[in-house]
C-alpha atoms as a PDB file:
ATOM      1  CA  MET A   1       9.158  11.802   2.406  1.00  0.00           C
ATOM      2  CA  LYS A   2       8.721  11.357  -1.355  1.00  0.00           C
ATOM      3  CA  GLN A   3       5.942  10.755  -3.851  1.00  0.00           C
ATOM      4  CA  ILE A   4       7.199   8.827  -6.869  1.00  0.00           C
ATOM      5  CA  VAL A   5       5.974   7.476 -10.192  1.00  0.00           C
ATOM      6  CA  GLY A   6       5.765   3.812  -9.247  1.00  0.00           C
ATOM      7  CA  GLY A   7       6.941   2.174 -12.438  1.00  0.00           C
ATOM      8  CA  SER A   8      10.112   4.284 -12.455  1.00  0.00           C
ATOM      9  CA  LEU A   9      11.568   2.841  -9.238  1.00  0.00           C
ATOM     10  CA  THR A  10      14.633   0.645  -9.885  1.00  0.00           C
ATOM     11  CA  ASP A  11      17.391  -0.910  -7.787  1.00  0.00           C
ATOM     12  CA  ASN A  12      20.016   1.667  -8.786  1.00  0.00           C
ATOM     13  CA  GLY A  13      17.698   4.669  -8.876  1.00  0.00           C
ATOM     14  CA  ALA A  14      18.306   5.334 -12.573  1.00  0.00           C
ATOM     15  CA  GLY A  15      15.270   6.855 -14.257  1.00  0.00           C
ATOM     16  CA  LEU A  16      13.443   7.526 -10.994  1.00  0.00           C
ATOM     17  CA  ARG A  17      10.711  10.118 -11.430  1.00  0.00           C
ATOM     18  CA  THR A  18       9.707  12.008  -8.294  1.00  0.00           C
ATOM     19  CA  ASN A  19       6.524  14.054  -7.976  1.00  0.00           C
ATOM     20  CA  PHE A  20       7.260  15.584  -4.593  1.00  0.00           C
ATOM     21  CA  VAL A  21       9.938  15.715  -1.903  1.00  0.00           C
ATOM     22  CA  SER A  22       8.838  17.017   1.498  1.00  0.00           C
ATOM     23  CA  GLU A  23      10.925  19.207   3.764  1.00  0.00           C
ATOM     24  CA  ARG A  24       8.925  17.984   6.752  1.00  0.00           C
ATOM     25  CA  PRO A  25       9.906  14.903   8.791  1.00  0.00           C
ATOM     26  CA  SER A  26       7.919  11.678   8.583  1.00  0.00           C
ATOM     27  CA  SER A  27       6.635  12.258  12.113  1.00  0.00           C
ATOM     28  CA  PHE A  28       4.789  15.385  10.955  1.00  0.00           C
ATOM     29  CA  TYR A  29       2.481  13.333   8.738  1.00  0.00           C
ATOM     30  CA  ALA A  30       2.056  10.629  11.373  1.00  0.00           C
ATOM     31  CA  GLU A  31       0.989  13.240  13.925  1.00  0.00           C
ATOM     32  CA  LEU A  32      -1.425  14.725  11.384  1.00  0.00           C
ATOM     33  CA  TYR A  33      -3.092  11.353  10.819  1.00  0.00           C
ATOM     34  CA  ARG A  34      -3.208  10.732  14.544  1.00  0.00           C
ATOM     35  CA  ARG A  35      -4.891  14.087  15.141  1.00  0.00           C
ATOM     36  CA  ASP A  36      -7.557  13.305  12.545  1.00  0.00           C
ATOM     37  CA  GLY A  37      -8.124   9.687  13.539  1.00  0.00           C
ATOM     38  CA  LEU A  38      -6.901   8.183  10.265  1.00  0.00           C
ATOM     39  CA  LYS A  39      -5.659   4.636  10.781  1.00  0.00           C
ATOM     40  CA  GLY A  40      -3.857   2.339   8.365  1.00  0.00           C
ATOM     41  CA  GLY A  41      -1.644   4.867   6.583  1.00  0.00           C
ATOM     42  CA  HIS A  42       1.307   3.374   4.733  1.00  0.00           C
ATOM     43  CA  VAL A  43       4.915   4.100   5.647  1.00  0.00           C
ATOM     44  CA  ILE A  44       6.929   2.639   2.750  1.00  0.00           C
ATOM     45  CA  MET A  45      10.728   2.527   2.848  1.00  0.00           C
ATOM     46  CA  LEU A  46      11.999   3.052  -0.690  1.00  0.00           C
ATOM     47  CA  GLY A  47      15.360   1.350  -0.368  1.00  0.00           C
ATOM     48  CA  SER A  48      17.895   1.270   2.450  1.00  0.00           C
ATOM     49  CA  GLY A  49      18.650   4.139   4.782  1.00  0.00           C
ATOM     50  CA  ASN A  50      15.036   4.943   5.645  1.00  0.00           C
ATOM     51  CA  GLU A  51      14.666   2.846   8.761  1.00  0.00           C
ATOM     52  CA  SER A  52      15.058   5.717  11.237  1.00  0.00           C
ATOM     53  CA  ALA A  53      12.520   7.905   9.433  1.00  0.00           C
ATOM     54  CA  ALA A  54      10.065   5.016   9.307  1.00  0.00           C
ATOM     55  CA  LYS A  55      10.404   4.289  13.005  1.00  0.00           C
ATOM     56  CA  ALA A  56      10.042   8.003  13.820  1.00  0.00           C
ATOM     57  CA  ALA A  57       6.657   7.969  12.079  1.00  0.00           C
ATOM     58  CA  LEU A  58       5.608   4.773  13.848  1.00  0.00           C
ATOM     59  CA  GLY A  59       6.600   6.226  17.201  1.00  0.00           C
ATOM     60  CA  ALA A  60       4.550   9.353  16.535  1.00  0.00           C
ATOM     61  CA  TYR A  61       1.392   7.307  15.954  1.00  0.00           C
ATOM     62  CA  PRO A  62       1.673   3.976  17.782  1.00  0.00           C
ATOM     63  CA  GLY A  63      -0.787   1.409  16.463  1.00  0.00           C
ATOM     64  CA  GLY A  64      -1.973   3.690  13.677  1.00  0.00           C
ATOM     65  CA  LEU A  65       0.299   2.957  10.727  1.00  0.00           C
ATOM     66  CA  HIS A  66       1.411   0.106   8.488  1.00  0.00           C
ATOM     67  CA  VAL A  67       5.063  -0.155   7.454  1.00  0.00           C
ATOM     68  CA  GLY A  68       6.557  -1.812   4.377  1.00  0.00           C
ATOM     69  CA  GLY A  69       9.654  -1.942   2.220  1.00  0.00           C
ATOM     70  CA  GLY A  70      12.270  -4.618   2.877  1.00  0.00           C
ATOM     71  CA  ILE A  71      10.232  -6.338   5.588  1.00  0.00           C
ATOM     72  CA  ASN A  72      11.195  -9.952   6.281  1.00  0.00           C
ATOM     73  CA  ALA A  73      11.152 -12.542   9.068  1.00  0.00           C
ATOM     74  CA  THR A  74      14.282 -11.059  10.616  1.00  0.00           C
ATOM     75  CA  ASN A  75      13.092  -7.475  11.039  1.00  0.00           C
ATOM     76  CA  ALA A  76       9.272  -7.681  11.072  1.00  0.00           C
ATOM     77  CA  ARG A  77       8.998  -7.892  14.837  1.00  0.00           C
ATOM     78  CA  SER A  78      11.213  -4.845  15.365  1.00  0.00           C
ATOM     79  CA  TYR A  79       8.826  -2.643  13.356  1.00  0.00           C
ATOM     80  CA  LEU A  80       5.819  -3.933  15.271  1.00  0.00           C
ATOM     81  CA  ASP A  81       7.663  -3.203  18.507  1.00  0.00           C
ATOM     82  CA  ALA A  82       8.402   0.300  17.163  1.00  0.00           C
ATOM     83  CA  GLY A  83       4.677   0.996  16.894  1.00  0.00           C
ATOM     84  CA  ALA A  84       3.416  -0.388  13.574  1.00  0.00           C
ATOM     85  CA  SER A  85      -0.017  -1.984  13.711  1.00  0.00           C
ATOM     86  CA  HIS A  86       0.900  -4.163  10.693  1.00  0.00           C
ATOM     87  CA  VAL A  87       3.870  -4.918   8.480  1.00  0.00           C
ATOM     88  CA  ILE A  88       3.441  -4.937   4.697  1.00  0.00           C
ATOM     89  CA  VAL A  89       5.298  -7.663   2.830  1.00  0.00           C
ATOM     90  CA  THR A  90       5.760  -8.377  -0.874  1.00  0.00           C
ATOM     91  CA  SER A  91       9.108  -9.354  -2.329  1.00  0.00           C
ATOM     92  CA  TRP A  92      10.342 -11.438   0.616  1.00  0.00           C
ATOM     93  CA  VAL A  93       7.559 -14.011   0.221  1.00  0.00           C
ATOM     94  CA  PHE A  94       8.383 -14.452  -3.468  1.00  0.00           C
ATOM     95  CA  ARG A  95      11.467 -16.192  -4.850  1.00  0.00           C
ATOM     96  CA  GLU A  96      12.374 -16.731  -8.484  1.00  0.00           C
ATOM     97  CA  GLY A  97       9.022 -15.347  -9.576  1.00  0.00           C
ATOM     98  CA  ARG A  98       6.921 -17.633  -7.424  1.00  0.00           C
ATOM     99  CA  LEU A  99       5.142 -17.421  -4.097  1.00  0.00           C
ATOM    100  CA  ASP A 100       7.271 -19.031  -1.410  1.00  0.00           C
ATOM    101  CA  GLU A 101       4.670 -20.665   0.813  1.00  0.00           C
ATOM    102  CA  ALA A 102       7.266 -21.720   3.381  1.00  0.00           C
ATOM    103  CA  ARG A 103       8.418 -18.129   3.885  1.00  0.00           C
ATOM    104  CA  LEU A 104       4.832 -16.933   4.165  1.00  0.00           C
ATOM    105  CA  ALA A 105       4.071 -19.592   6.761  1.00  0.00           C
ATOM    106  CA  GLU A 106       7.225 -18.638   8.681  1.00  0.00           C
ATOM    107  CA  LEU A 107       6.140 -15.018   8.831  1.00  0.00           C
ATOM    108  CA  VAL A 108       2.614 -15.888   9.946  1.00  0.00           C
ATOM    109  CA  GLN A 109       4.052 -18.131  12.657  1.00  0.00           C
ATOM    110  CA  LEU A 110       6.342 -15.327  13.797  1.00  0.00           C
ATOM    111  CA  ILE A 111       3.942 -12.369  14.002  1.00  0.00           C
ATOM    112  CA  GLY A 112       0.452 -13.799  13.392  1.00  0.00           C
ATOM    113  CA  LYS A 113      -1.838 -13.199  10.427  1.00  0.00           C
ATOM    114  CA  SER A 114      -3.580 -10.350  12.254  1.00  0.00           C
ATOM    115  CA  ARG A 115      -0.438  -8.183  11.972  1.00  0.00           C
ATOM    116  CA  LEU A 116       0.366  -8.958   8.337  1.00  0.00           C
ATOM    117  CA  VAL A 117      -0.623  -7.095   5.156  1.00  0.00           C
ATOM    118  CA  LEU A 118       0.245  -8.756   1.855  1.00  0.00           C
ATOM    119  CA  ASP A 119       1.149  -6.350  -0.921  1.00  0.00           C
ATOM    120  CA  LEU A 120      -0.077  -7.828  -4.202  1.00  0.00           C
ATOM    121  CA  SER A 121       0.774  -4.831  -6.343  1.00  0.00           C
ATOM    122  CA  CYS A 122       0.359  -5.732  -9.975  1.00  0.00           C
ATOM    123  CA  ARG A 123       0.883  -4.842 -13.608  1.00  0.00           C
ATOM    124  CA  VAL A 124      -1.078  -5.843 -16.678  1.00  0.00           C
ATOM    125  CA  ARG A 125       0.297  -8.476 -19.032  1.00  0.00           C
ATOM    126  CA  ALA A 126      -1.738 -10.105 -21.795  1.00  0.00           C
ATOM    127  CA  GLY A 127      -4.921  -8.637 -20.325  1.00  0.00           C
ATOM    128  CA  GLU A 128      -4.399 -10.072 -16.832  1.00  0.00           C
ATOM    129  CA  TYR A 129      -3.028  -8.668 -13.593  1.00  0.00           C
ATOM    130  CA  PHE A 130       0.193 -10.255 -12.335  1.00  0.00           C
ATOM    131  CA  VAL A 131       1.875  -9.539  -9.004  1.00  0.00           C
ATOM    132  CA  VAL A 132       5.191  -7.706  -9.422  1.00  0.00           C
ATOM    133  CA  THR A 133       8.050  -7.589  -6.921  1.00  0.00           C
ATOM    134  CA  ASP A 134      11.486  -6.050  -6.406  1.00  0.00           C
ATOM    135  CA  ARG A 135      10.474  -2.411  -6.688  1.00  0.00           C
ATOM    136  CA  TRP A 136       7.673  -3.462  -9.047  1.00  0.00           C
ATOM    137  CA  GLN A 137      10.142  -4.371 -11.796  1.00  0.00           C
ATOM    138  CA  LYS A 138       9.858  -8.191 -11.807  1.00  0.00           C
ATOM    139  CA  PHE A 139       6.777 -10.102 -12.883  1.00  0.00           C
ATOM    140  CA  THR A 140       5.839 -13.181 -10.874  1.00  0.00           C
ATOM    141  CA  ASP A 141       3.683 -16.038 -12.099  1.00  0.00           C
ATOM    142  CA  LEU A 142       0.946 -15.163  -9.580  1.00  0.00           C
ATOM    143  CA  ARG A 143      -2.202 -13.726 -11.119  1.00  0.00           C
ATOM    144  CA  VAL A 144      -4.563 -11.563  -9.096  1.00  0.00           C
ATOM    145  CA  THR A 145      -7.711 -13.671  -9.219  1.00  0.00           C
ATOM    146  CA  GLN A 146     -10.547 -14.595  -6.909  1.00  0.00           C
ATOM    147  CA  ALA A 147      -8.870 -17.908  -6.129  1.00  0.00           C
ATOM    148  CA  THR A 148      -5.579 -16.167  -5.295  1.00  0.00           C
ATOM    149  CA  LEU A 149      -7.243 -13.723  -2.910  1.00  0.00           C
ATOM    150  CA  GLN A 150      -9.325 -16.405  -1.248  1.00  0.00           C
ATOM    151  CA  THR A 151      -6.259 -18.539  -0.610  1.00  0.00           C
ATOM    152  CA  LEU A 152      -3.953 -15.789   0.623  1.00  0.00           C
ATOM    153  CA  ALA A 153      -6.641 -14.269   2.853  1.00  0.00           C
ATOM    154  CA  THR A 154      -6.100 -17.196   5.221  1.00  0.00           C
ATOM    155  CA  SER A 155      -2.565 -15.921   5.880  1.00  0.00           C
ATOM    156  CA  CYS A 156      -3.016 -12.168   6.325  1.00  0.00           C
ATOM    157  CA  ASP A 157      -5.273  -9.477   7.721  1.00  0.00           C
ATOM    158  CA  GLU A 158      -5.417  -7.149   4.701  1.00  0.00           C
ATOM    159  CA  PHE A 159      -4.314  -6.722   1.098  1.00  0.00           C
ATOM    160  CA  LEU A 160      -2.570  -3.668  -0.344  1.00  0.00           C
ATOM    161  CA  ILE A 161      -2.696  -3.560  -4.139  1.00  0.00           C
ATOM    162  CA  HIS A 162      -1.022  -0.863  -6.222  1.00  0.00           C
ATOM    163  CA  ALA A 163      -1.963  -0.631  -9.888  1.00  0.00           C
ATOM    164  CA  VAL A 164       1.662   0.000 -10.811  1.00  0.00           C
ATOM    165  CA  ASP A 165       1.026   1.050 -14.402  1.00  0.00           C
ATOM    166  CA  VAL A 166      -0.922   4.106 -13.216  1.00  0.00           C
ATOM    167  CA  GLU A 167       0.793   4.688  -9.853  1.00  0.00           C
ATOM    168  CA  GLY A 168       1.908   8.291  -9.331  1.00  0.00           C
ATOM    169  CA  LEU A 169       0.527   9.544 -12.653  1.00  0.00           C
ATOM    170  CA  CYS A 170      -2.628  11.248 -11.303  1.00  0.00           C
ATOM    171  CA  GLN A 171      -4.480  10.234 -14.464  1.00  0.00           C
ATOM    172  CA  GLY A 172      -7.290   8.247 -12.876  1.00  0.00           C
ATOM    173  CA  VAL A 173      -7.672   4.924 -11.114  1.00  0.00           C
ATOM    174  CA  ASP A 174      -7.828   1.509 -12.758  1.00  0.00           C
ATOM    175  CA  LEU A 175     -11.539   0.938 -12.220  1.00  0.00           C
ATOM    176  CA  GLU A 176     -11.448  -2.487 -13.853  1.00  0.00           C
ATOM    177  CA  LEU A 177      -9.045  -3.698 -11.191  1.00  0.00           C
ATOM    178  CA  VAL A 178     -11.114  -2.009  -8.477  1.00  0.00           C
ATOM    179  CA  LYS A 179     -14.270  -3.776  -9.686  1.00  0.00           C
ATOM    180  CA  ARG A 180     -12.536  -7.140  -9.680  1.00  0.00           C
ATOM    181  CA  LEU A 181     -11.167  -6.597  -6.191  1.00  0.00           C
ATOM    182  CA  GLY A 182     -14.593  -5.587  -4.951  1.00  0.00           C
ATOM    183  CA  GLN A 183     -16.055  -8.820  -6.312  1.00  0.00           C
ATOM    184  CA  TRP A 184     -13.252 -11.094  -5.169  1.00  0.00           C
ATOM    185  CA  THR A 185     -11.656  -9.963  -1.903  1.00  0.00           C
ATOM    186  CA  PRO A 186     -12.834 -11.611   1.323  1.00  0.00           C
ATOM    187  CA  ILE A 187     -10.824  -9.290   3.616  1.00  0.00           C
ATOM    188  CA  PRO A 188     -10.131  -5.528   3.882  1.00  0.00           C
ATOM    189  CA  THR A 189      -8.312  -4.327   0.768  1.00  0.00           C
ATOM    190  CA  THR A 190      -6.709  -1.024  -0.155  1.00  0.00           C
ATOM    191  CA  TYR A 191      -6.164  -0.008  -3.769  1.00  0.00           C
ATOM    192  CA  ALA A 192      -3.541   2.574  -4.770  1.00  0.00           C
ATOM    193  CA  GLY A 193      -2.676   4.142  -8.104  1.00  0.00           C
ATOM    194  CA  GLY A 194      -3.745   7.083 -10.238  1.00  0.00           C
ATOM    195  CA  ALA A 195      -6.094   8.854  -7.821  1.00  0.00           C
ATOM    196  CA  ARG A 196      -6.464  12.513  -8.812  1.00  0.00           C
ATOM    197  CA  SER A 197      -9.698  13.868  -7.302  1.00  0.00           C
ATOM    198  CA  LEU A 198     -12.262  13.506  -4.566  1.00  0.00           C
ATOM    199  CA  GLU A 199     -14.517  11.897  -7.179  1.00  0.00           C
ATOM    200  CA  ASP A 200     -12.082   8.989  -7.323  1.00  0.00           C
ATOM    201  CA  LEU A 201     -12.891   8.194  -3.694  1.00  0.00           C
ATOM    202  CA  GLN A 202     -16.558   8.073  -4.608  1.00  0.00           C
ATOM    203  CA  GLN A 203     -15.937   6.017  -7.751  1.00  0.00           C
ATOM    204  CA  VAL A 204     -13.876   3.421  -5.918  1.00  0.00           C
ATOM    205  CA  ALA A 205     -16.496   3.115  -3.188  1.00  0.00           C
ATOM    206  CA  GLN A 206     -19.233   2.645  -5.787  1.00  0.00           C
ATOM    207  CA  ALA A 207     -17.314   0.332  -8.124  1.00  0.00           C
ATOM    208  CA  SER A 208     -16.273  -1.945  -5.271  1.00  0.00           C
ATOM    209  CA  HIS A 209     -19.612  -1.706  -3.414  1.00  0.00           C
ATOM    210  CA  GLY A 210     -17.762  -0.280  -0.448  1.00  0.00           C
ATOM    211  CA  ARG A 211     -15.355  -3.214  -0.163  1.00  0.00           C
ATOM    212  CA  VAL A 212     -12.150  -1.481  -1.313  1.00  0.00           C
ATOM    213  CA  ASP A 213     -10.435   1.562   0.195  1.00  0.00           C
ATOM    214  CA  LEU A 214      -8.432   4.064  -1.844  1.00  0.00           C
ATOM    215  CA  THR A 215      -5.010   5.545  -1.137  1.00  0.00           C
ATOM    216  CA  ILE A 216      -4.368   9.045  -2.498  1.00  0.00           C
ATOM    217  CA  GLY A 217      -0.757  10.191  -2.757  1.00  0.00           C
ATOM    218  CA  SER A 218       0.640  12.522  -5.398  1.00  0.00           C
ATOM    219  CA  ALA A 219      -2.649  14.375  -5.993  1.00  0.00           C
ATOM    220  CA  LEU A 220      -3.001  15.362  -2.337  1.00  0.00           C
ATOM    221  CA  ASP A 221      -2.191  18.946  -1.381  1.00  0.00           C
ATOM    222  CA  ILE A 222      -0.063  17.984   1.618  1.00  0.00           C
ATOM    223  CA  PHE A 223       2.121  15.999  -0.809  1.00  0.00           C
ATOM    224  CA  GLY A 224       2.476  18.829  -3.302  1.00  0.00           C
ATOM    225  CA  GLY A 225      -0.577  17.962  -5.406  1.00  0.00           C
ATOM    226  CA  ASN A 226      -3.456  20.172  -6.444  1.00  0.00           C
ATOM    227  CA  GLY A 227      -6.180  17.652  -7.159  1.00  0.00           C
ATOM    228  CA  VAL A 228      -7.439  16.872  -3.649  1.00  0.00           C
ATOM    229  CA  ARG A 229      -7.459  18.747  -0.362  1.00  0.00           C
ATOM    230  CA  TYR A 230      -6.455  16.725   2.689  1.00  0.00           C
ATOM    231  CA  GLU A 231      -9.366  18.125   4.712  1.00  0.00           C
ATOM    232  CA  GLU A 232     -11.830  16.878   2.076  1.00  0.00           C
ATOM    233  CA  CYS A 233     -10.405  13.367   2.307  1.00  0.00           C
ATOM    234  CA  VAL A 234     -10.669  13.398   6.097  1.00  0.00           C
ATOM    235  CA  ALA A 235     -14.291  14.512   5.883  1.00  0.00           C
ATOM    236  CA  PHE A 236     -15.098  11.830   3.281  1.00  0.00           C
ATOM    237  CA  ASN A 237     -13.496   9.169   5.439  1.00  0.00           C
ATOM    238  CA  HIS A 238     -15.445  10.183   8.534  1.00  0.00           C
ATOM    239  CA  GLN A 239     -18.708  10.017   6.595  1.00  0.00           C
ATOM    240  CA  GLN A 240     -18.248   6.359   5.676  1.00  0.00           C
ATOM    241  CA  PRO A 241     -20.165   3.635   7.521  1.00  0.00           C
ATOM    242  CA  GLY A 242     -18.159   2.247  10.413  1.00  0.00           C
ATOM    243  CA  SER A 243     -15.535   4.976  10.275  1.00  0.00           C
END
């Protein structure tokens, strides 16, 4: 299990910056989340060779985790059968910098929209947020807008959106993006990127009017961070309406 600086991830691994490498197996974290009733955690495969570790986590918490990284129409069902509640898909539904609607429709037909999370992780260009694919290195022509979210919400159950420019830096969340997502998204949405303190959980909840969830990674003590204690996050989560 690793925590990385998102914008440093490339196909060949050159320049990769890693915040933390765990000595514990993936199943340890899955069992921890299961114990504390935390659903929807993300198991992301950063390149090939991680399939066994991913499935070990899914098996340790059946129905409690989402899995992403290299998911496509060929393998999506196998990860659901292994215990994932949802699969997370980005790059496979984009080709040549554009959304491939036929591929998206194929995936929905195969597994159903209720088991699909679309990852619309984005970077800023010319003051707007554009979806990026292929380890967050390639810009697409798809802007993150209200119209985009409204349209794609008909094909998935949730959105996962990393603010790639601040991912893994622990220097604060992109509140402008959070505000926009809170105004625009019609379905459950999780934001990731830059979280460094318990106050960030509160800020995201306030800025989005409770419509956007926050993922905390590198700042969390169980992932080698010193900004947030895992127990504090669990307590915050259990205090939220509908938790």
